[in-house]
């Protein structure tokens, strides 16, 4: 989750947005944006996608590489 948190924060800054502006443009609460950027481990995926859509992205399944 930390990788996602850093990605969101970097994307927000690259787009010149404050946390308040990101919250307003995506319709999620400021508290959610702060929790997301701090790497909170339990977040609603629909809200994470609401944020990612602003940057042209979304969550999706990723194949785990199996050893052996």
Protein backbone atom coordinates (compact mmCIF):
# COMPACT_ATOMS: atom_id res chain seq x y z
CA UNK A 1 0.00 0.00 0.00
CA UNK A 2 2.93 2.33 0.60
CA UNK A 3 3.78 2.24 -3.10
CA UNK A 4 0.23 3.34 -3.93
CA UNK A 5 0.41 6.08 -1.30
CA UNK A 6 3.61 7.48 -2.77
CA UNK A 7 2.19 7.25 -6.30
CA UNK A 8 -0.94 9.20 -5.36
CA UNK A 9 1.05 11.87 -3.56
CA UNK A 10 3.49 12.24 -6.46
CA UNK A 11 0.66 12.38 -9.03
CA UNK A 12 -1.14 15.03 -6.98
CA UNK A 13 1.99 17.17 -6.74
CA UNK A 14 2.85 16.74 -10.43
CA UNK A 15 -0.63 18.04 -11.24
CA UNK A 16 -0.17 21.03 -8.92
CA UNK A 17 -2.94 20.03 -6.54
CA UNK A 18 -3.17 20.41 -2.79
CA UNK A 19 -4.83 17.69 -0.73
CA UNK A 20 -7.85 19.97 -0.35
CA UNK A 21 -8.08 20.48 -4.13
CA UNK A 22 -7.71 16.74 -4.78
CA UNK A 23 -10.48 16.06 -2.30
CA UNK A 24 -12.78 18.56 -3.95
CA UNK A 25 -12.10 17.44 -7.52
CA UNK A 26 -12.60 13.74 -6.76
CA UNK A 27 -15.51 13.96 -4.32
CA UNK A 28 -13.72 12.12 -1.52
CA UNK A 29 -13.14 13.57 1.92
CA UNK A 30 -9.95 15.33 2.93
CA UNK A 31 -9.45 12.75 5.67
CA UNK A 32 -9.58 9.99 3.04
CA UNK A 33 -6.94 11.75 0.91
CA UNK A 34 -4.68 12.09 3.95
CA UNK A 35 -5.18 8.44 4.93
CA UNK A 36 -4.49 7.35 1.35
CA UNK A 37 -1.26 9.33 1.11
CA UNK A 38 -0.12 8.04 4.49
CA UNK A 39 -0.54 4.42 3.40
CA UNK A 40 -3.52 3.39 5.51
CA UNK A 41 -3.97 -0.33 4.92
CA UNK A 42 -7.78 -0.40 4.94
CA UNK A 43 -9.37 1.90 2.38
CA UNK A 44 -12.44 1.60 0.18
CA UNK A 45 -11.35 0.58 -3.30
CA UNK A 46 -14.14 2.57 -4.94
CA UNK A 47 -12.85 5.76 -3.34
CA UNK A 48 -9.25 4.92 -4.29
CA UNK A 49 -10.48 4.55 -7.87
CA UNK A 50 -12.30 7.89 -7.63
CA UNK A 51 -8.91 9.47 -6.94
CA UNK A 52 -6.98 7.43 -9.53
CA UNK A 53 -9.49 8.22 -12.31
CA UNK A 54 -8.47 11.88 -12.07
CA UNK A 55 -5.00 10.78 -13.19
CA UNK A 56 -6.30 8.41 -15.89
CA UNK A 57 -5.70 5.27 -13.83
CA UNK A 58 -7.61 2.64 -11.84
CA UNK A 59 -7.04 -0.30 -9.52
CA UNK A 60 -7.09 -3.74 -11.04
CA UNK A 61 -5.97 -7.31 -10.42
CA UNK A 62 -2.28 -8.02 -10.83
CA UNK A 63 -0.95 -11.53 -11.32
CA UNK A 64 1.33 -12.68 -8.51
CA UNK A 65 4.44 -14.42 -9.77
CA UNK A 66 4.64 -17.92 -8.31
CA UNK A 67 8.04 -19.35 -7.39
CA UNK A 68 8.82 -22.93 -8.31
